[in-house]
Amino acid sequence: MTTPSDPSNGFHAVPEDQLRAGTYSLLAALLRAPLSADLRVRLLGIDARDPDAGGIAGAWAALREAAEGAALAAVDDEFHALFIGIGRGELVPYGSWYRSGFLMEKPLGELRRELAALGFERQLSVHEPEDHAAALCEVMAILITDGAAFEVQQRFFNGHIGPWIQAFCADLGKAPSARFYRAVGQLGQAFFRLETEYLSMPI
């Protein structure tokens, strides 16, 4: 995805929004491709110590712990089993699938119209539909970083992410092949629970 918004527009994110955008970007990276060595190093730098703490703090700690024990080749195999497979992976990380039971359905058309209205353009090198979980996380990260109004973030999240993303993360956390990705699902559930509460506030 690309957007014409100007990164030099003078917007300076508050720490909470920086954390939100960073978490969206991290989840996008984890769901877009197998874990890389560089990303694993980033995860090992998470400042969290108790995976049993519960909530978002426990989820961050669990992800760091999972990264400590992750062999990149094994996580690559896990990623392919979960999201690619032979014909199809164990999970289908698309909004249309979760909301209608089919790919390329009405929710995707509505999303494309919203993205166009926001100024996003599809890159020719991208072959995945725009309602992939990673793509949606990338859009939210851009909206937050570029200083989109609260109501814009609220409308996009509640219209295209909130109705299904926690169910997807729950499925990710209990998928048969999930080992490292159980922690990714746990972080997703905890984070999107907070986002749902935050973006449900009245304007």
N, C-alpha and C. Protein backbone atom coordinates (compact mmCIF):
# COMPACT_ATOMS: atom_id res chain seq x y z
N MET A 1 0.84 -1.19 0.00
CA MET A 1 0.00 0.00 0.00
C MET A 1 0.87 1.24 0.00
N THR A 2 0.42 2.26 -0.70
CA THR A 2 1.07 3.56 -0.61
C THR A 2 0.00 4.61 -0.40
N THR A 3 0.40 5.71 0.23
CA THR A 3 -0.52 6.80 0.47
C THR A 3 0.17 8.11 0.13
N PRO A 4 -0.55 9.07 -0.43
CA PRO A 4 0.06 10.32 -0.83
C PRO A 4 0.27 11.29 0.31
N SER A 5 -0.10 10.91 1.53
CA SER A 5 0.02 11.86 2.62
C SER A 5 1.47 12.28 2.81
N ASP A 6 1.69 13.50 3.25
CA ASP A 6 3.02 14.09 3.37
C ASP A 6 3.58 13.83 4.76
N PRO A 7 4.67 13.05 4.88
CA PRO A 7 5.21 12.77 6.20
C PRO A 7 5.82 13.99 6.88
N SER A 8 5.95 15.08 6.15
CA SER A 8 6.50 16.30 6.75
C SER A 8 5.40 17.29 7.11
N ASN A 9 4.21 16.77 7.41
CA ASN A 9 3.08 17.66 7.66
C ASN A 9 3.10 18.28 9.06
N GLY A 10 4.17 18.03 9.82
CA GLY A 10 4.27 18.67 11.12
C GLY A 10 3.67 17.86 12.24
N PHE A 11 3.09 16.70 11.95
CA PHE A 11 2.47 15.88 12.99
C PHE A 11 3.55 15.20 13.83
N HIS A 12 3.38 15.25 15.14
CA HIS A 12 4.28 14.56 16.04
C HIS A 12 3.42 13.66 16.93
N ALA A 13 3.60 12.35 16.79
CA ALA A 13 2.77 11.42 17.53
C ALA A 13 3.08 11.48 19.02
N VAL A 14 2.04 11.41 19.84
CA VAL A 14 2.24 11.29 21.28
C VAL A 14 2.74 9.88 21.54
N PRO A 15 3.37 9.64 22.71
CA PRO A 15 3.92 8.31 22.98
C PRO A 15 2.92 7.17 22.82
N GLU A 16 1.67 7.39 23.24
CA GLU A 16 0.67 6.33 23.12
C GLU A 16 0.42 5.97 21.65
N ASP A 17 0.36 6.99 20.80
CA ASP A 17 0.14 6.72 19.39
C ASP A 17 1.37 6.10 18.74
N GLN A 18 2.55 6.48 19.20
CA GLN A 18 3.77 5.84 18.69
C GLN A 18 3.76 4.36 19.02
N LEU A 19 3.33 4.03 20.24
CA LEU A 19 3.25 2.63 20.64
C LEU A 19 2.20 1.88 19.82
N ARG A 20 1.07 2.52 19.61
CA ARG A 20 0.02 1.90 18.80
C ARG A 20 0.52 1.63 17.39
N ALA A 21 1.09 2.65 16.76
CA ALA A 21 1.58 2.49 15.39
C ALA A 21 2.68 1.44 15.33
N GLY A 22 3.56 1.43 16.31
CA GLY A 22 4.64 0.45 16.33
C GLY A 22 4.12 -0.97 16.47
N THR A 23 3.08 -1.14 17.28
CA THR A 23 2.50 -2.47 17.45
C THR A 23 1.81 -2.93 16.18
N TYR A 24 1.09 -2.04 15.53
CA TYR A 24 0.47 -2.38 14.23
C TYR A 24 1.56 -2.78 13.22
N SER A 25 2.64 -2.03 13.17
CA SER A 25 3.71 -2.34 12.22
C SER A 25 4.36 -3.68 12.53
N LEU A 26 4.56 -3.96 13.80
CA LEU A 26 5.15 -5.23 14.19
C LEU A 26 4.23 -6.40 13.82
N LEU A 27 2.96 -6.29 14.12
CA LEU A 27 2.02 -7.35 13.77
C LEU A 27 1.96 -7.54 12.26
N ALA A 28 2.01 -6.45 11.52
CA ALA A 28 2.02 -6.55 10.05
C ALA A 28 3.23 -7.34 9.59
N ALA A 29 4.39 -7.04 10.14
CA ALA A 29 5.61 -7.74 9.74
C ALA A 29 5.54 -9.22 10.09
N LEU A 30 4.98 -9.55 11.25
CA LEU A 30 4.90 -10.94 11.69
C LEU A 30 3.90 -11.74 10.86
N LEU A 31 2.87 -11.08 10.35
CA LEU A 31 1.83 -11.78 9.59
C LEU A 31 2.09 -11.76 8.09
N ARG A 32 3.01 -10.92 7.65
CA ARG A 32 3.26 -10.77 6.22
C ARG A 32 4.23 -11.82 5.69
N ALA A 33 5.21 -12.21 6.49
CA ALA A 33 6.28 -13.09 6.01
C ALA A 33 6.86 -13.86 7.19
N PRO A 34 7.59 -14.94 6.93
CA PRO A 34 8.23 -15.68 8.02
C PRO A 34 9.18 -14.79 8.81
N LEU A 35 9.40 -15.14 10.05
CA LEU A 35 10.26 -14.38 10.94
C LEU A 35 11.67 -14.28 10.37
N SER A 36 12.19 -13.06 10.28
CA SER A 36 13.55 -12.83 9.80
C SER A 36 14.49 -12.71 11.00
N ALA A 37 15.78 -12.80 10.71
CA ALA A 37 16.77 -12.66 11.78
C ALA A 37 16.71 -11.27 12.40
N ASP A 38 16.54 -10.24 11.57
CA ASP A 38 16.48 -8.87 12.08
C ASP A 38 15.26 -8.67 12.97
N LEU A 39 14.12 -9.22 12.54
CA LEU A 39 12.91 -9.06 13.34
C LEU A 39 13.02 -9.84 14.65
N ARG A 40 13.65 -10.98 14.60
CA ARG A 40 13.85 -11.75 15.84
C ARG A 40 14.69 -10.94 16.83
N VAL A 41 15.71 -10.25 16.36
CA VAL A 41 16.52 -9.41 17.23
C VAL A 41 15.66 -8.33 17.87
N ARG A 42 14.76 -7.73 17.08
CA ARG A 42 13.85 -6.73 17.63
C ARG A 42 12.98 -7.31 18.73
N LEU A 43 12.49 -8.51 18.53
CA LEU A 43 11.63 -9.13 19.53
C LEU A 43 12.40 -9.45 20.81
N LEU A 44 13.65 -9.81 20.66
CA LEU A 44 14.46 -10.09 21.83
C LEU A 44 14.74 -8.84 22.65
N GLY A 45 14.54 -7.68 22.06
CA GLY A 45 14.72 -6.42 22.77
C GLY A 45 13.49 -5.95 23.51
N ILE A 46 12.40 -6.72 23.47
CA ILE A 46 11.19 -6.33 24.19
C ILE A 46 11.47 -6.29 25.69
N ASP A 47 11.10 -5.20 26.32
CA ASP A 47 11.33 -5.04 27.76
C ASP A 47 10.13 -5.58 28.51
N ALA A 48 10.09 -6.89 28.68
CA ALA A 48 8.99 -7.55 29.37
C ALA A 48 9.54 -8.80 30.03
N ARG A 49 9.06 -9.10 31.25
CA ARG A 49 9.70 -10.17 32.01
C ARG A 49 8.77 -11.29 32.48
N ASP A 50 7.47 -11.08 32.49
CA ASP A 50 6.57 -12.08 33.07
C ASP A 50 5.49 -12.48 32.09
N PRO A 51 5.66 -13.62 31.40
CA PRO A 51 4.64 -14.05 30.43
C PRO A 51 3.33 -14.47 31.08
N ASP A 52 3.31 -14.61 32.40
CA ASP A 52 2.08 -14.98 33.09
C ASP A 52 1.37 -13.78 33.71
N ALA A 53 1.83 -12.58 33.35
CA ALA A 53 1.26 -11.38 33.97
C ALA A 53 -0.16 -11.11 33.51
N GLY A 54 -0.56 -11.64 32.36
CA GLY A 54 -1.88 -11.38 31.83
C GLY A 54 -1.94 -10.07 31.08
N GLY A 55 -2.98 -9.91 30.26
CA GLY A 55 -3.17 -8.67 29.53
C GLY A 55 -2.06 -8.41 28.53
N ILE A 56 -1.91 -7.16 28.16
CA ILE A 56 -0.95 -6.80 27.13
C ILE A 56 0.49 -6.99 27.62
N ALA A 57 0.76 -6.75 28.90
CA ALA A 57 2.12 -6.95 29.42
C ALA A 57 2.53 -8.41 29.33
N GLY A 58 1.64 -9.30 29.71
CA GLY A 58 1.94 -10.72 29.61
C GLY A 58 2.10 -11.17 28.18
N ALA A 59 1.34 -10.58 27.27
CA ALA A 59 1.43 -10.94 25.86
C ALA A 59 2.77 -10.53 25.27
N TRP A 60 3.25 -9.33 25.64
CA TRP A 60 4.56 -8.89 25.16
C TRP A 60 5.65 -9.83 25.69
N ALA A 61 5.56 -10.19 26.97
CA ALA A 61 6.56 -11.08 27.55
C ALA A 61 6.53 -12.45 26.89
N ALA A 62 5.33 -12.96 26.60
CA ALA A 62 5.22 -14.26 25.94
C ALA A 62 5.82 -14.23 24.55
N LEU A 63 5.67 -13.10 23.84
CA LEU A 63 6.25 -13.00 22.50
C LEU A 63 7.77 -12.97 22.58
N ARG A 64 8.31 -12.26 23.54
CA ARG A 64 9.76 -12.24 23.71
C ARG A 64 10.27 -13.64 24.04
N GLU A 65 9.58 -14.32 24.92
CA GLU A 65 9.98 -15.67 25.29
C GLU A 65 9.92 -16.61 24.09
N ALA A 66 8.88 -16.46 23.27
CA ALA A 66 8.76 -17.29 22.06
C ALA A 66 9.90 -17.02 21.10
N ALA A 67 10.30 -15.75 20.99
CA ALA A 67 11.40 -15.40 20.10
C ALA A 67 12.72 -15.98 20.58
N GLU A 68 12.89 -16.06 21.90
CA GLU A 68 14.12 -16.62 22.46
C GLU A 68 14.31 -18.07 22.03
N GLY A 69 13.21 -18.81 21.99
CA GLY A 69 13.31 -20.22 21.65
C GLY A 69 13.04 -20.54 20.19
N ALA A 70 12.94 -19.50 19.35
CA ALA A 70 12.54 -19.70 17.96
C ALA A 70 13.74 -20.00 17.07
N ALA A 71 13.68 -21.11 16.35
CA ALA A 71 14.64 -21.39 15.28
C ALA A 71 14.01 -20.89 13.98
N LEU A 72 14.73 -20.07 13.24
CA LEU A 72 14.14 -19.42 12.07
C LEU A 72 13.60 -20.42 11.06
N ALA A 73 14.31 -21.52 10.85
CA ALA A 73 13.84 -22.52 9.88
C ALA A 73 12.52 -23.13 10.33
N ALA A 74 12.40 -23.39 11.64
CA ALA A 74 11.17 -23.98 12.16
C ALA A 74 10.01 -23.00 12.06
N VAL A 75 10.28 -21.72 12.33
CA VAL A 75 9.22 -20.71 12.24
C VAL A 75 8.80 -20.52 10.78
N ASP A 76 9.75 -20.64 9.86
CA ASP A 76 9.42 -20.57 8.43
C ASP A 76 8.46 -21.70 8.07
N ASP A 77 8.75 -22.91 8.52
CA ASP A 77 7.86 -24.04 8.26
C ASP A 77 6.48 -23.80 8.87
N GLU A 78 6.49 -23.25 10.07
CA GLU A 78 5.24 -22.96 10.76
C GLU A 78 4.41 -21.93 9.99
N PHE A 79 5.07 -20.89 9.52
CA PHE A 79 4.38 -19.85 8.75
C PHE A 79 3.72 -20.45 7.52
N HIS A 80 4.46 -21.28 6.80
CA HIS A 80 3.90 -21.88 5.59
C HIS A 80 2.75 -22.82 5.90
N ALA A 81 2.85 -23.57 6.98
CA ALA A 81 1.74 -24.46 7.35
C ALA A 81 0.50 -23.67 7.73
N LEU A 82 0.69 -22.56 8.42
CA LEU A 82 -0.44 -21.77 8.89
C LEU A 82 -1.11 -20.97 7.78
N PHE A 83 -0.31 -20.35 6.90
CA PHE A 83 -0.87 -19.37 5.99
C PHE A 83 -0.80 -19.73 4.51
N ILE A 84 -0.04 -20.75 4.16
CA ILE A 84 0.12 -21.08 2.74
C ILE A 84 -0.33 -22.50 2.46
N GLY A 85 0.36 -23.47 3.04
CA GLY A 85 -0.04 -24.87 2.90
C GLY A 85 0.01 -25.35 1.47
N ILE A 86 -0.59 -26.50 1.25
CA ILE A 86 -0.74 -27.06 -0.10
C ILE A 86 -2.18 -26.77 -0.53
N GLY A 87 -2.32 -25.72 -1.30
CA GLY A 87 -3.67 -25.29 -1.68
C GLY A 87 -4.19 -24.22 -0.75
N ARG A 88 -4.04 -24.45 0.57
CA ARG A 88 -4.49 -23.46 1.55
C ARG A 88 -3.88 -23.81 2.90
N GLY A 89 -3.53 -22.80 3.67
CA GLY A 89 -2.99 -23.03 4.99
C GLY A 89 -4.09 -23.32 6.00
N GLU A 90 -3.69 -23.53 7.23
CA GLU A 90 -4.65 -23.80 8.29
C GLU A 90 -5.56 -22.61 8.56
N LEU A 91 -5.04 -21.42 8.32
CA LEU A 91 -5.81 -20.20 8.55
C LEU A 91 -5.93 -19.41 7.26
N VAL A 92 -7.00 -18.63 7.16
CA VAL A 92 -7.21 -17.75 6.01
C VAL A 92 -7.28 -16.32 6.56
N PRO A 93 -6.18 -15.57 6.47
CA PRO A 93 -6.08 -14.29 7.18
C PRO A 93 -6.70 -13.11 6.44
N TYR A 94 -7.91 -13.28 5.96
CA TYR A 94 -8.58 -12.24 5.18
C TYR A 94 -9.91 -11.86 5.82
N GLY A 95 -10.18 -10.56 5.83
CA GLY A 95 -11.41 -10.08 6.42
C GLY A 95 -12.66 -10.65 5.77
N SER A 96 -12.66 -10.74 4.44
CA SER A 96 -13.85 -11.25 3.75
C SER A 96 -14.17 -12.67 4.18
N TRP A 97 -13.12 -13.47 4.39
CA TRP A 97 -13.32 -14.86 4.79
C TRP A 97 -14.00 -14.94 6.16
N TYR A 98 -13.51 -14.15 7.08
CA TYR A 98 -14.07 -14.18 8.43
C TYR A 98 -15.46 -13.56 8.50
N ARG A 99 -15.73 -12.60 7.65
CA ARG A 99 -17.00 -11.90 7.75
C ARG A 99 -18.10 -12.49 6.87
N SER A 100 -17.70 -13.19 5.79
CA SER A 100 -18.73 -13.73 4.89
C SER A 100 -18.57 -15.22 4.61
N GLY A 101 -17.39 -15.77 4.96
CA GLY A 101 -17.13 -17.17 4.67
C GLY A 101 -16.55 -17.40 3.29
N PHE A 102 -16.31 -16.33 2.55
CA PHE A 102 -15.77 -16.43 1.19
C PHE A 102 -14.71 -15.35 0.99
N LEU A 103 -13.81 -15.60 0.05
CA LEU A 103 -12.83 -14.60 -0.33
C LEU A 103 -13.41 -13.66 -1.38
N MET A 104 -12.83 -12.46 -1.46
CA MET A 104 -13.19 -11.50 -2.51
C MET A 104 -14.68 -11.18 -2.51
N GLU A 105 -15.26 -11.03 -1.32
CA GLU A 105 -16.68 -10.75 -1.21
C GLU A 105 -16.93 -9.27 -0.89
N LYS A 106 -18.16 -8.94 -0.56
CA LYS A 106 -18.59 -7.56 -0.36
C LYS A 106 -17.69 -6.78 0.59
N PRO A 107 -17.25 -7.37 1.74
CA PRO A 107 -16.37 -6.58 2.62
C PRO A 107 -15.11 -6.07 1.93
N LEU A 108 -14.56 -6.84 0.99
CA LEU A 108 -13.37 -6.40 0.27
C LEU A 108 -13.69 -5.21 -0.63
N GLY A 109 -14.83 -5.24 -1.30
CA GLY A 109 -15.22 -4.11 -2.14
C GLY A 109 -15.40 -2.84 -1.32
N GLU A 110 -16.00 -2.97 -0.15
CA GLU A 110 -16.19 -1.81 0.72
C GLU A 110 -14.84 -1.27 1.19
N LEU A 111 -13.93 -2.19 1.51
CA LEU A 111 -12.59 -1.78 1.93
C LEU A 111 -11.87 -1.03 0.81
N ARG A 112 -11.96 -1.53 -0.40
CA ARG A 112 -11.28 -0.88 -1.52
C ARG A 112 -11.79 0.54 -1.74
N ARG A 113 -13.08 0.74 -1.60
CA ARG A 113 -13.63 2.09 -1.75
C ARG A 113 -13.11 3.01 -0.64
N GLU A 114 -13.03 2.49 0.57
CA GLU A 114 -12.52 3.30 1.69
C GLU A 114 -11.05 3.64 1.48
N LEU A 115 -10.26 2.67 1.06
CA LEU A 115 -8.84 2.92 0.82
C LEU A 115 -8.65 3.98 -0.26
N ALA A 116 -9.44 3.90 -1.31
CA ALA A 116 -9.33 4.90 -2.38
C ALA A 116 -9.69 6.29 -1.86
N ALA A 117 -10.73 6.36 -1.02
CA ALA A 117 -11.13 7.65 -0.46
C ALA A 117 -10.05 8.23 0.44
N LEU A 118 -9.28 7.36 1.09
CA LEU A 118 -8.20 7.80 1.98
C LEU A 118 -6.92 8.12 1.22
N GLY A 119 -6.88 7.81 -0.07
CA GLY A 119 -5.72 8.11 -0.88
C GLY A 119 -4.70 6.99 -1.00
N PHE A 120 -5.08 5.78 -0.58
CA PHE A 120 -4.17 4.65 -0.71
C PHE A 120 -4.26 4.06 -2.12
N GLU A 121 -3.12 3.65 -2.62
CA GLU A 121 -3.06 3.02 -3.94
C GLU A 121 -2.43 1.64 -3.81
N ARG A 122 -2.95 0.70 -4.55
CA ARG A 122 -2.42 -0.66 -4.54
C ARG A 122 -1.12 -0.70 -5.35
N GLN A 123 -0.07 -1.28 -4.76
CA GLN A 123 1.20 -1.43 -5.46
C GLN A 123 1.12 -2.60 -6.42
N LEU A 124 1.69 -2.43 -7.61
CA LEU A 124 1.61 -3.46 -8.63
C LEU A 124 2.30 -4.76 -8.21
N SER A 125 3.27 -4.64 -7.31
CA SER A 125 4.01 -5.83 -6.87
C SER A 125 3.27 -6.64 -5.82
N VAL A 126 2.16 -6.10 -5.31
CA VAL A 126 1.40 -6.78 -4.26
C VAL A 126 0.28 -7.59 -4.90
N HIS A 127 0.25 -8.88 -4.58
CA HIS A 127 -0.75 -9.76 -5.17
C HIS A 127 -1.83 -10.19 -4.18
N GLU A 128 -1.60 -9.96 -2.89
CA GLU A 128 -2.60 -10.33 -1.89
C GLU A 128 -3.76 -9.34 -1.92
N PRO A 129 -4.99 -9.80 -1.69
CA PRO A 129 -6.10 -8.86 -1.54
C PRO A 129 -5.86 -7.91 -0.37
N GLU A 130 -6.47 -6.75 -0.44
CA GLU A 130 -6.22 -5.70 0.53
C GLU A 130 -6.74 -6.02 1.93
N ASP A 131 -7.59 -7.03 2.06
CA ASP A 131 -8.14 -7.34 3.38
C ASP A 131 -7.31 -8.38 4.13
N HIS A 132 -6.07 -8.61 3.70
CA HIS A 132 -5.15 -9.45 4.47
C HIS A 132 -4.87 -8.75 5.80
N ALA A 133 -4.77 -9.52 6.87
CA ALA A 133 -4.56 -8.94 8.20
C ALA A 133 -3.32 -8.05 8.24
N ALA A 134 -2.24 -8.47 7.58
CA ALA A 134 -1.02 -7.67 7.58
C ALA A 134 -1.23 -6.34 6.88
N ALA A 135 -1.92 -6.34 5.75
CA ALA A 135 -2.16 -5.10 5.01
C ALA A 135 -3.00 -4.13 5.82
N LEU A 136 -4.01 -4.64 6.51
CA LEU A 136 -4.86 -3.77 7.32
C LEU A 136 -4.08 -3.17 8.48
N CYS A 137 -3.19 -3.96 9.08
CA CYS A 137 -2.34 -3.42 10.14
C CYS A 137 -1.42 -2.33 9.60
N GLU A 138 -0.90 -2.53 8.40
CA GLU A 138 -0.04 -1.51 7.79
C GLU A 138 -0.81 -0.21 7.57
N VAL A 139 -2.04 -0.31 7.11
CA VAL A 139 -2.84 0.89 6.89
C VAL A 139 -3.07 1.63 8.20
N MET A 140 -3.41 0.90 9.26
CA MET A 140 -3.63 1.56 10.55
C MET A 140 -2.35 2.23 11.04
N ALA A 141 -1.22 1.57 10.86
CA ALA A 141 0.06 2.18 11.28
C ALA A 141 0.29 3.49 10.53
N ILE A 142 0.00 3.51 9.24
CA ILE A 142 0.19 4.73 8.45
C ILE A 142 -0.78 5.82 8.89
N LEU A 143 -2.04 5.46 9.12
CA LEU A 143 -3.01 6.46 9.54
C LEU A 143 -2.59 7.11 10.85
N ILE A 144 -2.13 6.30 11.79
CA ILE A 144 -1.71 6.83 13.09
C ILE A 144 -0.47 7.71 12.93
N THR A 145 0.53 7.19 12.22
CA THR A 145 1.79 7.92 12.05
C THR A 145 1.59 9.23 11.31
N ASP A 146 0.69 9.23 10.33
CA ASP A 146 0.44 10.45 9.55
C ASP A 146 -0.53 11.40 10.22
N GLY A 147 -0.99 11.05 11.41
CA GLY A 147 -1.84 11.96 12.17
C GLY A 147 -3.27 12.03 11.70
N ALA A 148 -3.79 10.93 11.16
CA ALA A 148 -5.20 10.91 10.76
C ALA A 148 -6.08 11.19 11.96
N ALA A 149 -7.16 11.90 11.74
CA ALA A 149 -8.08 12.24 12.82
C ALA A 149 -8.61 11.00 13.51
N PHE A 150 -8.95 11.15 14.78
CA PHE A 150 -9.46 10.01 15.55
C PHE A 150 -10.65 9.37 14.85
N GLU A 151 -11.55 10.19 14.32
CA GLU A 151 -12.74 9.61 13.68
C GLU A 151 -12.39 8.82 12.43
N VAL A 152 -11.31 9.19 11.74
CA VAL A 152 -10.87 8.43 10.57
C VAL A 152 -10.34 7.07 11.01
N GLN A 153 -9.48 7.07 12.04
CA GLN A 153 -8.97 5.81 12.57
C GLN A 153 -10.13 4.94 13.08
N GLN A 154 -11.04 5.57 13.77
CA GLN A 154 -12.19 4.87 14.34
C GLN A 154 -13.03 4.23 13.24
N ARG A 155 -13.32 4.98 12.19
CA ARG A 155 -14.16 4.46 11.11
C ARG A 155 -13.46 3.31 10.39
N PHE A 156 -12.17 3.45 10.15
CA PHE A 156 -11.46 2.39 9.43
C PHE A 156 -11.37 1.12 10.27
N PHE A 157 -10.99 1.27 11.52
CA PHE A 157 -10.86 0.09 12.38
C PHE A 157 -12.22 -0.59 12.58
N ASN A 158 -13.22 0.18 12.96
CA ASN A 158 -14.52 -0.42 13.26
C ASN A 158 -15.20 -0.97 12.01
N GLY A 159 -14.86 -0.41 10.85
CA GLY A 159 -15.49 -0.89 9.63
C GLY A 159 -14.82 -2.08 9.00
N HIS A 160 -13.50 -2.23 9.20
CA HIS A 160 -12.77 -3.23 8.42
C HIS A 160 -11.88 -4.17 9.22
N ILE A 161 -11.62 -3.86 10.49
CA ILE A 161 -10.73 -4.69 11.29
C ILE A 161 -11.44 -5.25 12.52
N GLY A 162 -12.06 -4.39 13.28
CA GLY A 162 -12.67 -4.80 14.53
C GLY A 162 -13.64 -5.96 14.46
N PRO A 163 -14.48 -6.05 13.41
CA PRO A 163 -15.49 -7.11 13.39
C PRO A 163 -14.94 -8.53 13.32
N TRP A 164 -13.66 -8.70 12.98
CA TRP A 164 -13.17 -10.07 12.78
C TRP A 164 -11.78 -10.35 13.33
N ILE A 165 -10.98 -9.35 13.63
CA ILE A 165 -9.56 -9.57 13.89
C ILE A 165 -9.31 -10.36 15.17
N GLN A 166 -10.12 -10.17 16.19
CA GLN A 166 -9.89 -10.93 17.42
C GLN A 166 -10.19 -12.41 17.22
N ALA A 167 -11.17 -12.72 16.39
CA ALA A 167 -11.46 -14.13 16.09
C ALA A 167 -10.29 -14.75 15.34
N PHE A 168 -9.72 -14.00 14.41
CA PHE A 168 -8.55 -14.50 13.69
C PHE A 168 -7.38 -14.74 14.64
N CYS A 169 -7.11 -13.79 15.53
CA CYS A 169 -6.00 -13.95 16.47
C CYS A 169 -6.23 -15.13 17.41
N ALA A 170 -7.48 -15.34 17.82
CA ALA A 170 -7.79 -16.49 18.67
C ALA A 170 -7.52 -17.78 17.91
N ASP A 171 -7.92 -17.84 16.64
CA ASP A 171 -7.65 -19.02 15.82
C ASP A 171 -6.15 -19.23 15.64
N LEU A 172 -5.41 -18.15 15.49
CA LEU A 172 -3.97 -18.25 15.33
C LEU A 172 -3.34 -18.83 16.60
N GLY A 173 -3.85 -18.43 17.74
CA GLY A 173 -3.29 -18.89 19.00
C GLY A 173 -3.52 -20.36 19.29
N LYS A 174 -4.51 -20.96 18.61
CA LYS A 174 -4.81 -22.37 18.89
C LYS A 174 -4.68 -23.26 17.65
N ALA A 175 -4.13 -22.73 16.57
CA ALA A 175 -3.97 -23.53 15.35
C ALA A 175 -3.03 -24.71 15.61
N PRO A 176 -3.30 -25.86 15.01
CA PRO A 176 -2.49 -27.05 15.28
C PRO A 176 -1.00 -26.86 15.06
N SER A 177 -0.61 -26.12 14.04
CA SER A 177 0.81 -25.95 13.73
C SER A 177 1.46 -24.80 14.48
N ALA A 178 0.68 -24.02 15.21
CA ALA A 178 1.22 -22.83 15.85
C ALA A 178 2.09 -23.18 17.05
N ARG A 179 3.29 -22.65 17.06
CA ARG A 179 4.19 -22.73 18.19
C ARG A 179 4.61 -21.28 18.52
N PHE A 180 5.51 -20.75 17.73
CA PHE A 180 5.87 -19.33 17.86
C PHE A 180 4.64 -18.44 17.68
N TYR A 181 3.79 -18.79 16.72
CA TYR A 181 2.66 -17.93 16.39
C TYR A 181 1.54 -17.94 17.42
N ARG A 182 1.62 -18.87 18.40
CA ARG A 182 0.68 -18.78 19.51
C ARG A 182 0.87 -17.45 20.24
N ALA A 183 2.13 -17.06 20.42
CA ALA A 183 2.42 -15.80 21.10
C ALA A 183 2.00 -14.60 20.25
N VAL A 184 2.13 -14.72 18.93
CA VAL A 184 1.66 -13.66 18.04
C VAL A 184 0.15 -13.49 18.18
N GLY A 185 -0.55 -14.62 18.20
CA GLY A 185 -2.00 -14.56 18.39
C GLY A 185 -2.38 -13.97 19.73
N GLN A 186 -1.63 -14.31 20.77
CA GLN A 186 -1.90 -13.78 22.11
C GLN A 186 -1.71 -12.28 22.15
N LEU A 187 -0.62 -11.79 21.54
CA LEU A 187 -0.41 -10.34 21.49
C LEU A 187 -1.52 -9.67 20.70
N GLY A 188 -1.89 -10.28 19.56
CA GLY A 188 -2.96 -9.70 18.75
C GLY A 188 -4.26 -9.58 19.52
N GLN A 189 -4.64 -10.64 20.22
CA GLN A 189 -5.88 -10.59 20.99
C GLN A 189 -5.84 -9.48 22.03
N ALA A 190 -4.74 -9.40 22.79
CA ALA A 190 -4.63 -8.40 23.84
C ALA A 190 -4.62 -6.98 23.26
N PHE A 191 -3.85 -6.79 22.20
CA PHE A 191 -3.75 -5.46 21.60
C PHE A 191 -5.06 -5.02 20.99
N PHE A 192 -5.70 -5.90 20.23
CA PHE A 192 -6.93 -5.50 19.55
C PHE A 192 -8.10 -5.35 20.52
N ARG A 193 -8.01 -6.00 21.66
CA ARG A 193 -9.01 -5.76 22.70
C ARG A 193 -8.91 -4.32 23.19
N LEU A 194 -7.69 -3.87 23.40
CA LEU A 194 -7.49 -2.48 23.82
C LEU A 194 -7.88 -1.49 22.72
N GLU A 195 -7.53 -1.83 21.48
CA GLU A 195 -7.90 -0.95 20.36
C GLU A 195 -9.41 -0.85 20.21
N THR A 196 -10.10 -1.96 20.40
CA THR A 196 -11.56 -1.95 20.30
C THR A 196 -12.15 -1.03 21.34
N GLU A 197 -11.62 -1.09 22.57
CA GLU A 197 -12.12 -0.21 23.63
C GLU A 197 -11.81 1.25 23.30
N TYR A 198 -10.57 1.50 22.89
CA TYR A 198 -10.15 2.88 22.60
C TYR A 198 -10.94 3.48 21.44
N LEU A 199 -11.10 2.70 20.36
CA LEU A 199 -11.76 3.24 19.17
C LEU A 199 -13.27 3.09 19.21
N SER A 200 -13.79 2.68 20.35
CA SER A 200 -15.25 2.69 20.57
C SER A 200 -15.69 3.92 21.37
N MET A 201 -14.72 4.71 21.79
CA MET A 201 -15.06 5.91 22.58
C MET A 201 -15.82 6.91 21.71
N PRO A 202 -16.75 7.62 22.29
CA PRO A 202 -17.47 8.65 21.50
C PRO A 202 -16.53 9.75 21.08
N ILE A 203 -16.79 10.30 19.88
CA ILE A 203 -15.96 11.39 19.36
C ILE A 203 -16.29 12.68 20.08
